[in-house]
Amino acid sequence: MNGIVDQAVQVVGAVLILAAFAGAQTGRLDRRSPWNLLPNLLGSAALAADALRGRQWGFLLLEGAWAVVSLLGLLSTVRARGLMARAGTLPVRPVRPVRPG
């Protein structure tokens, strides 16, 4: 890849991770929510791939571990929700009304 594409991958990956982190820290996202875990997974995987290409081993360790932990959390959340749905105990969230345009 060229320098511009490398920079774009790094910026997008970092923004995904930081947006999820900010959402979790401000209470807007549950830390076990797929809306928190998926951006962490995608962002850290992109940064890990970039680190691998650049042979940046410390950065690869950090982002690779972040991606693995995010993936395990996401799988655990999805599995738990599937079990709860099958048991009929999935919590129901109130539907927010849609405001016209």
Protein backbone atom coordinates (compact mmCIF):
# COMPACT_ATOMS: atom_id res chain seq x y z
CA MET A 1 0.00 0.00 0.00
CA ASN A 2 1.07 3.56 -0.42
CA GLY A 3 1.50 6.12 2.34
CA ILE A 4 -1.92 7.72 1.91
CA VAL A 5 -3.75 4.40 2.15
CA ASP A 6 -1.65 3.40 5.18
CA GLN A 7 -2.54 6.65 6.90
CA ALA A 8 -6.23 6.25 6.05
CA VAL A 9 -6.28 2.72 7.53
CA GLN A 10 -4.59 3.97 10.69
CA VAL A 11 -6.92 6.94 11.11
CA VAL A 12 -10.10 4.93 10.46
CA GLY A 13 -8.95 2.16 12.83
CA ALA A 14 -8.11 4.66 15.55
CA VAL A 15 -11.40 6.53 15.12
CA LEU A 16 -13.39 3.29 15.43
CA ILE A 17 -11.62 2.35 18.66
CA LEU A 18 -11.81 5.85 20.14
CA ALA A 19 -15.49 6.31 19.27
CA ALA A 20 -16.38 3.03 21.00
CA PHE A 21 -14.21 3.95 24.00
CA ALA A 22 -15.81 7.38 24.30
CA GLY A 23 -19.28 5.84 24.04
CA ALA A 24 -18.51 3.35 26.79
CA GLN A 25 -16.89 5.96 29.04
CA THR A 26 -19.80 8.38 28.74
CA GLY A 27 -22.38 5.66 29.36
CA ARG A 28 -23.85 5.87 25.87
CA LEU A 29 -22.67 2.34 25.05
CA ASP A 30 -22.71 -0.74 27.25
CA ARG A 31 -19.18 -2.14 27.28
CA ARG A 32 -20.57 -5.59 26.34
CA SER A 33 -22.75 -4.24 23.55
CA PRO A 34 -22.02 -5.30 19.98
CA TRP A 35 -22.10 -1.56 19.18
CA ASN A 36 -19.03 -1.20 21.41
CA LEU A 37 -17.27 -4.48 20.66
CA LEU A 38 -17.60 -4.49 16.86
CA PRO A 39 -15.88 -1.11 16.28
CA ASN A 40 -13.15 -2.21 18.71
CA LEU A 41 -12.70 -5.43 16.76
CA LEU A 42 -12.66 -3.77 13.34
CA GLY A 43 -10.42 -0.90 14.39
CA SER A 44 -7.89 -3.03 16.24
CA ALA A 45 -7.81 -5.65 13.48
CA ALA A 46 -7.09 -2.93 10.89
CA LEU A 47 -4.32 -1.49 13.05
CA ALA A 48 -2.91 -4.96 13.76
CA ALA A 49 -2.78 -5.74 10.03
CA ASP A 50 -1.02 -2.44 9.41
CA ALA A 51 1.44 -3.18 12.21
CA LEU A 52 2.15 -6.61 10.75
CA ARG A 53 2.88 -5.09 7.35
CA GLY A 54 5.23 -2.59 8.97
CA ARG A 55 6.86 -5.21 11.22
CA GLN A 56 6.00 -3.17 14.29
CA TRP A 57 5.92 -6.05 16.75
CA GLY A 58 4.96 -4.16 19.92
CA PHE A 59 2.09 -2.42 18.15
CA LEU A 60 1.04 -5.75 16.60
CA LEU A 61 0.99 -7.35 20.06
CA LEU A 62 -1.16 -4.55 21.47
CA GLU A 63 -3.65 -4.35 18.60
CA GLY A 64 -3.72 -8.12 18.01
CA ALA A 65 -4.55 -8.74 21.66
CA TRP A 66 -7.18 -5.97 21.54
CA ALA A 67 -8.76 -7.61 18.50
CA VAL A 68 -8.79 -11.07 20.11
CA VAL A 69 -10.33 -9.77 23.35
CA SER A 70 -12.95 -7.81 21.37
CA LEU A 71 -13.78 -10.88 19.27
CA LEU A 72 -14.14 -13.10 22.33
CA GLY A 73 -16.38 -10.50 24.00
CA LEU A 74 -18.49 -10.17 20.87
CA LEU A 75 -18.88 -13.95 20.53
CA SER A 76 -19.79 -14.23 24.21
CA THR A 77 -22.39 -11.48 23.89
CA VAL A 78 -23.92 -12.95 20.74
CA ARG A 79 -23.98 -16.44 22.27
CA ALA A 80 -25.60 -15.15 25.48
CA ARG A 81 -28.24 -13.23 23.56
CA GLY A 82 -28.99 -16.31 21.45
CA LEU A 83 -29.45 -18.44 24.56
CA MET A 84 -31.65 -15.79 26.16
CA ALA A 85 -33.77 -15.48 23.02
CA ARG A 86 -34.27 -19.25 22.86
CA ALA A 87 -35.24 -19.31 26.53
CA GLY A 88 -37.62 -16.40 26.04
CA THR A 89 -35.77 -14.25 28.57
CA LEU A 90 -34.26 -11.68 26.22
CA PRO A 91 -34.75 -8.25 27.80
CA VAL A 92 -37.08 -6.04 25.83
CA ARG A 93 -35.97 -2.48 25.31
CA PRO A 94 -38.56 0.21 24.80
CA VAL A 95 -38.83 1.39 21.22
CA ARG A 96 -37.98 5.04 20.78
CA PRO A 97 -40.44 6.94 18.63
CA VAL A 98 -39.09 8.18 15.32
CA ARG A 99 -39.25 11.95 14.98
CA PRO A 100 -40.37 13.24 11.62
CA GLY A 101 -37.71 14.85 9.49
